[in-house]
Every structure is written in structure tokens, then in C-alpha cells.
Amino acid sequence: MTKKNDLAYIDENLRIIRERCAEAKDRYRSSDDNIRIMAVTKTVAPEAINHAVELGIDLLGENRVQEYLSKADFYDKSAEVQFIGHLQTNKVKYIINSVSMIQSVDSLKLGQEISRLAVKNGRVMDILCEVNIGGEDSKSGIAPDGLDELMDGLSELEGIRIRGLMTIPPPSDSDIFLGRMKELYDKVSSERKGMDTLSMGMTHDYAEAIKYGSTLVRIGTGLFGARDYSK
């Protein structure tokens, strides 16, 4: 069992994150803007996650279905859970009733399966369209020039509600791609109803992402420290 004293580093990390978020908001955004901090939980022990929740974190981000299922029962249930990782259609059934949003929808096929299972379970699933803003082969996401067609198709499906966009920009020239993502989100949100979420910004660029309009930053390493992703 991990002792609270062993988790004190999370207190300090979160203090720094909140301070940097507040500074970026004061400098670049309206005081009315709501910017959420998501704790990304990949490879993190439930004790550490629950400690972050005790400190006021109310949003968790899951990357892997199997890992999430192995830990979910141990989580503090006061925190909301969203799915942010690449999602295969055959895994949707395992999370459809336990997450509040799926941020990584990048194909009509995936949207159709989410729709089918949401309707079957009598719910509406909030989703974000994941955009591969840097055109990287190593990353999931729809190309920017395919976004309108994808959103048109998704908007015809029952049981899902498109809330906005998500991206993981290339770490190099991050400012350029964050700016392009803001332009894309501004265009989409001006043309479609219900758009209120731009999920971008991670440990290395969350302050810059806030500058470019992010409403939700996803922080793992900056909060929980370096982790072994080979697990």
C-alpha cells in the first residue's frame, strides 16, 4: 500500500500545473473561460490517481481499454472518466456505460459502433473528433481536409453528440500546429451547434495550448512523473 507521504510529489506537481494554467489563462484568455485539467492515468496506480482526486482533480483520461478495466473498480467514483486513446470498434462495448466521453473518434465506422451501442444501452455518448493536425503517420486522427465529411456522417447517427475536437500536435513547431488547430476549431464551432470542447495540450505544451484556445488539457507525466510505458 502506498503511503500518503510517498505521494506528496503529486501535491507539488499539481500546484505547479494549476499555477501555470492560471498564468496562461490570465495572459491569453477571458476570466470566464473554463479550462479543465485532465489527469492521464496510463500505467499509474489507483492509489496515486485517487490521491490526485482528493486534491481536486475531477477528470481522468484513459488510454487503454484493458488497463482501464483492470483498475476502474479501485477508482474514487467522484471523478469523471473519459477515453482518450485509440479505440478499436470491438472494444467499444467494454466502456460504453462507464465513460462520459470518447475523445478519439476518427472514423465513421467507429462512430457507427458507438452509436449502435449507445442506442442499445439507452444513452447518448459525447464524442470528440480526433484530428491529426500534423499529418503524422505514427498518430491516429482524421486529416483536417476530411473533418467536414466525417462530422457530417457522425451528425446523422443516433446516440452520439459531437462536442468538439481533440488533437496531439507534433512536439516540434507546436505553436504552429496549435494555431492551426484553433483556426479549425473556430471554423467548426461557428458552423455547427453544440461545439464547446477543444482538447489539446499535454505535459510539454499545455500552457501554449491554453493560449490557442484549449478548453481541456491532458496531463500525465507532469502530474504523476515519468512512467514505464512498456508495461
Protein backbone atom coordinates (compact mmCIF):
# COMPACT_ATOMS: atom_id res chain seq x y z
CA MET A 1 0.00 0.00 0.00
CA THR A 2 1.39 3.40 -0.98
CA LYS A 3 1.63 5.86 1.90
CA LYS A 4 0.37 9.42 1.52
CA ASN A 5 3.83 10.76 2.27
CA ASP A 6 5.09 8.86 -0.77
CA LEU A 7 2.55 10.70 -2.93
CA ALA A 8 3.45 14.21 -1.80
CA TYR A 9 5.18 14.87 -5.14
CA ILE A 10 1.73 14.88 -6.75
CA ASP A 11 0.69 17.78 -4.49
CA GLU A 12 3.63 19.87 -5.67
CA ASN A 13 3.23 18.89 -9.34
CA LEU A 14 -0.44 19.80 -9.29
CA ARG A 15 0.30 23.11 -7.61
CA ILE A 16 2.72 23.97 -10.43
CA ILE A 17 0.25 22.85 -13.12
CA ARG A 18 -2.56 24.93 -11.65
CA GLU A 19 -0.27 27.92 -11.34
CA ARG A 20 0.89 27.69 -14.96
CA CYS A 21 -2.67 27.19 -16.21
CA ALA A 22 -3.83 30.24 -14.26
CA GLU A 23 -0.96 32.34 -15.61
CA ALA A 24 -1.72 31.31 -19.21
CA LYS A 25 -5.41 31.99 -18.72
CA ASP A 26 -4.77 35.42 -17.19
CA ARG A 27 -2.46 36.32 -20.06
CA TYR A 28 -4.37 34.97 -23.05
CA ARG A 29 -7.96 34.14 -22.18
CA SER A 30 -11.13 35.58 -20.73
CA SER A 31 -11.72 35.23 -16.99
CA ASP A 32 -14.99 33.47 -17.86
CA ASP A 33 -13.28 30.67 -19.80
CA ASN A 34 -13.43 27.24 -18.19
CA ILE A 35 -10.27 25.19 -18.71
CA ARG A 36 -10.32 21.67 -17.29
CA ILE A 37 -7.28 19.71 -16.17
CA MET A 38 -7.44 16.02 -17.03
CA ALA A 39 -5.20 13.54 -15.20
CA VAL A 40 -3.96 11.00 -17.74
CA THR A 41 -3.73 7.68 -15.92
CA LYS A 42 -1.82 5.35 -18.23
CA THR A 43 0.33 3.00 -16.08
CA VAL A 44 -0.50 4.99 -12.91
CA ALA A 45 -1.50 3.06 -9.78
CA PRO A 46 -5.03 3.67 -8.43
CA GLU A 47 -3.61 4.97 -5.14
CA ALA A 48 -1.84 7.80 -6.96
CA ILE A 49 -4.90 8.52 -9.09
CA ASN A 50 -7.18 8.68 -6.06
CA HIS A 51 -4.73 10.97 -4.30
CA ALA A 52 -4.99 13.38 -7.24
CA VAL A 53 -8.78 13.19 -6.97
CA GLU A 54 -8.55 14.05 -3.27
CA LEU A 55 -6.60 17.15 -4.32
CA GLY A 56 -9.44 18.26 -6.58
CA ILE A 57 -8.82 16.54 -9.90
CA ASP A 58 -12.27 15.60 -11.17
CA LEU A 59 -11.46 14.31 -14.67
CA LEU A 60 -9.46 11.20 -15.61
CA GLY A 61 -8.25 10.22 -19.06
CA GLU A 62 -7.88 6.57 -20.05
CA ASN A 63 -5.75 5.38 -22.99
CA ARG A 64 -6.14 1.61 -22.93
CA VAL A 65 -9.35 -0.33 -22.51
CA GLN A 66 -7.80 -3.40 -20.89
CA GLU A 67 -5.80 -1.37 -18.38
CA TYR A 68 -8.82 0.76 -17.54
CA LEU A 69 -10.98 -2.29 -16.89
CA SER A 70 -8.34 -3.69 -14.55
CA LYS A 71 -8.25 -0.51 -12.44
CA ALA A 72 -11.71 1.05 -12.68
CA ASP A 73 -13.15 -0.69 -9.62
CA PHE A 74 -10.44 0.86 -7.46
CA TYR A 75 -11.01 4.44 -8.60
CA ASP A 76 -12.61 7.15 -6.50
CA LYS A 77 -16.04 7.29 -8.16
CA SER A 78 -16.33 11.06 -7.68
CA ALA A 79 -14.09 11.63 -10.73
CA GLU A 80 -15.41 11.63 -14.28
CA VAL A 81 -13.67 9.28 -16.72
CA GLN A 82 -13.18 9.94 -20.44
CA PHE A 83 -11.49 7.73 -23.03
CA ILE A 84 -8.68 9.42 -24.97
CA GLY A 85 -6.71 6.58 -26.60
CA HIS A 86 -7.02 4.86 -29.95
CA LEU A 87 -10.19 2.77 -29.78
CA GLN A 88 -10.95 -0.35 -31.78
CA THR A 89 -14.58 -0.95 -32.64
CA ASN A 90 -14.61 -4.33 -30.87
CA LYS A 91 -13.61 -2.63 -27.59
CA VAL A 92 -16.39 -0.03 -27.50
CA LYS A 93 -18.76 -2.42 -25.73
CA TYR A 94 -16.47 -2.57 -22.70
CA ILE A 95 -16.56 1.18 -22.00
CA ILE A 96 -19.88 2.38 -23.37
CA ASN A 97 -21.52 2.57 -19.94
CA SER A 98 -18.59 3.71 -17.83
CA VAL A 99 -17.05 6.72 -19.58
CA SER A 100 -18.65 10.10 -20.12
CA MET A 101 -16.90 10.93 -23.38
CA ILE A 102 -14.84 9.27 -26.12
CA GLN A 103 -12.34 11.81 -27.40
CA SER A 104 -10.67 9.72 -30.10
CA VAL A 105 -13.32 9.26 -32.80
CA ASP A 106 -11.56 9.42 -36.16
CA SER A 107 -13.71 7.30 -38.46
CA LEU A 108 -17.36 6.85 -39.35
CA LYS A 109 -17.02 3.12 -38.68
CA LEU A 110 -16.05 3.79 -35.05
CA GLY A 111 -18.82 6.36 -34.71
CA GLN A 112 -21.37 3.87 -36.03
CA GLU A 113 -20.39 1.29 -33.41
CA ILE A 114 -20.52 3.86 -30.62
CA SER A 115 -23.94 4.92 -31.90
CA ARG A 116 -25.24 1.35 -32.08
CA LEU A 117 -24.16 0.51 -28.55
CA ALA A 118 -25.26 3.84 -27.10
CA VAL A 119 -28.75 3.39 -28.50
CA LYS A 120 -28.81 -0.23 -27.31
CA ASN A 121 -27.91 0.94 -23.79
CA GLY A 122 -30.33 3.86 -23.80
CA ARG A 123 -27.77 6.62 -23.59
CA VAL A 124 -26.16 9.42 -25.57
CA MET A 125 -22.37 9.35 -25.76
CA ASP A 126 -20.47 12.61 -26.02
CA ILE A 127 -17.61 12.40 -28.52
CA LEU A 128 -14.78 14.48 -29.91
CA CYS A 129 -13.36 14.08 -33.39
CA GLU A 130 -9.63 13.40 -33.23
CA VAL A 131 -7.68 15.42 -35.80
CA ASN A 132 -4.19 14.50 -36.97
CA ILE A 133 -3.23 18.14 -37.34
CA GLY A 134 0.41 17.39 -38.17
CA GLY A 135 -0.27 14.64 -40.72
CA GLU A 136 1.93 12.19 -38.81
CA ASP A 137 1.85 8.55 -39.89
CA SER A 138 2.51 7.44 -36.30
CA LYS A 139 -0.65 9.06 -34.94
CA SER A 140 -4.36 8.38 -35.25
CA GLY A 141 -6.84 11.03 -36.28
CA ILE A 142 -8.68 12.31 -39.31
CA ALA A 143 -6.83 14.61 -41.69
CA PRO A 144 -8.08 18.22 -41.44
CA ASP A 145 -9.42 18.14 -45.01
CA GLY A 146 -11.53 15.09 -44.15
CA LEU A 147 -13.06 16.50 -40.99
CA ASP A 148 -16.19 18.04 -42.50
CA GLU A 149 -17.16 14.80 -44.23
CA LEU A 150 -16.59 12.82 -41.04
CA MET A 151 -18.62 15.23 -38.93
CA ASP A 152 -21.43 15.24 -41.49
CA GLY A 153 -21.62 11.45 -41.26
CA LEU A 154 -21.41 11.37 -37.49
CA SER A 155 -24.09 14.05 -37.09
CA GLU A 156 -26.63 11.73 -38.74
CA LEU A 157 -26.12 8.98 -36.15
CA GLU A 158 -28.34 8.45 -33.12
CA GLY A 159 -26.95 8.09 -29.64
CA ILE A 160 -23.92 10.33 -30.05
CA ARG A 161 -23.34 14.05 -29.54
CA ILE A 162 -20.36 15.77 -31.12
CA ARG A 163 -18.89 18.19 -28.58
CA GLY A 164 -15.73 19.32 -30.36
CA LEU A 165 -12.22 18.32 -31.41
CA MET A 166 -9.13 16.65 -29.94
CA THR A 167 -5.55 16.60 -31.19
CA ILE A 168 -1.98 15.65 -30.34
CA PRO A 169 0.18 18.09 -32.32
CA PRO A 170 3.78 17.31 -33.30
CA PRO A 171 6.14 18.27 -30.48
CA SER A 172 8.28 20.29 -32.87
CA ASP A 173 6.75 23.58 -34.07
CA SER A 174 4.00 23.04 -31.53
CA ASP A 175 2.88 26.66 -31.70
CA ILE A 176 2.25 26.42 -35.44
CA PHE A 177 0.07 23.33 -35.16
CA LEU A 178 -1.77 24.57 -32.06
CA GLY A 179 -2.59 27.72 -34.02
CA ARG A 180 -3.85 25.69 -36.97
CA MET A 181 -6.00 23.63 -34.63
CA LYS A 182 -7.52 26.77 -33.13
CA GLU A 183 -8.42 28.02 -36.62
CA LEU A 184 -10.02 24.67 -37.45
CA TYR A 185 -11.98 24.57 -34.19
CA ASP A 186 -13.16 28.17 -34.62
CA LYS A 187 -14.42 27.31 -38.11
CA VAL A 188 -16.18 24.14 -36.98
CA SER A 189 -17.76 25.71 -33.91
CA SER A 190 -19.08 28.65 -35.97
CA GLU A 191 -20.78 26.26 -38.40
CA ARG A 192 -22.11 23.57 -36.08
CA LYS A 193 -24.16 23.69 -32.90
CA GLY A 194 -23.03 22.21 -29.62
CA MET A 195 -19.28 22.61 -30.08
CA ASP A 196 -17.75 23.54 -26.72
CA THR A 197 -14.62 21.41 -26.29
CA LEU A 198 -11.13 21.75 -27.74
CA SER A 199 -8.96 19.08 -26.13
CA MET A 200 -5.29 19.80 -26.73
CA GLY A 201 -2.19 20.33 -24.66
CA MET A 202 -0.13 17.80 -22.74
CA THR A 203 2.72 17.97 -20.23
CA HIS A 204 5.13 19.71 -22.62
CA ASP A 205 2.76 22.24 -24.16
CA TYR A 206 -0.35 22.76 -22.03
CA ALA A 207 0.34 26.44 -21.32
CA GLU A 208 0.78 27.10 -25.05
CA ALA A 209 -2.40 25.12 -25.78
CA ILE A 210 -4.35 27.38 -23.42
CA LYS A 211 -3.00 30.34 -25.39
CA TYR A 212 -4.54 28.82 -28.51
CA GLY A 213 -7.97 28.16 -27.07
CA SER A 214 -7.80 24.75 -25.44
CA THR A 215 -10.65 24.06 -23.03
CA LEU A 216 -9.19 20.78 -21.73
CA VAL A 217 -5.53 19.91 -21.14
CA ARG A 218 -4.44 16.29 -20.70
CA ILE A 219 -1.54 15.90 -18.28
CA GLY A 220 0.10 12.64 -17.23
CA THR A 221 3.86 12.85 -16.75
CA GLY A 222 3.69 16.42 -15.44
CA LEU A 223 1.36 15.26 -12.67
CA PHE A 224 2.42 11.69 -11.89
CA GLY A 225 6.06 11.75 -13.03
CA ALA A 226 7.85 9.69 -15.66
CA ARG A 227 6.36 6.26 -16.19
CA ASP A 228 7.25 3.00 -17.88
CA TYR A 229 5.03 2.86 -20.97
CA SER A 230 6.29 -0.61 -21.86
CA LYS A 231 4.08 -2.13 -19.18
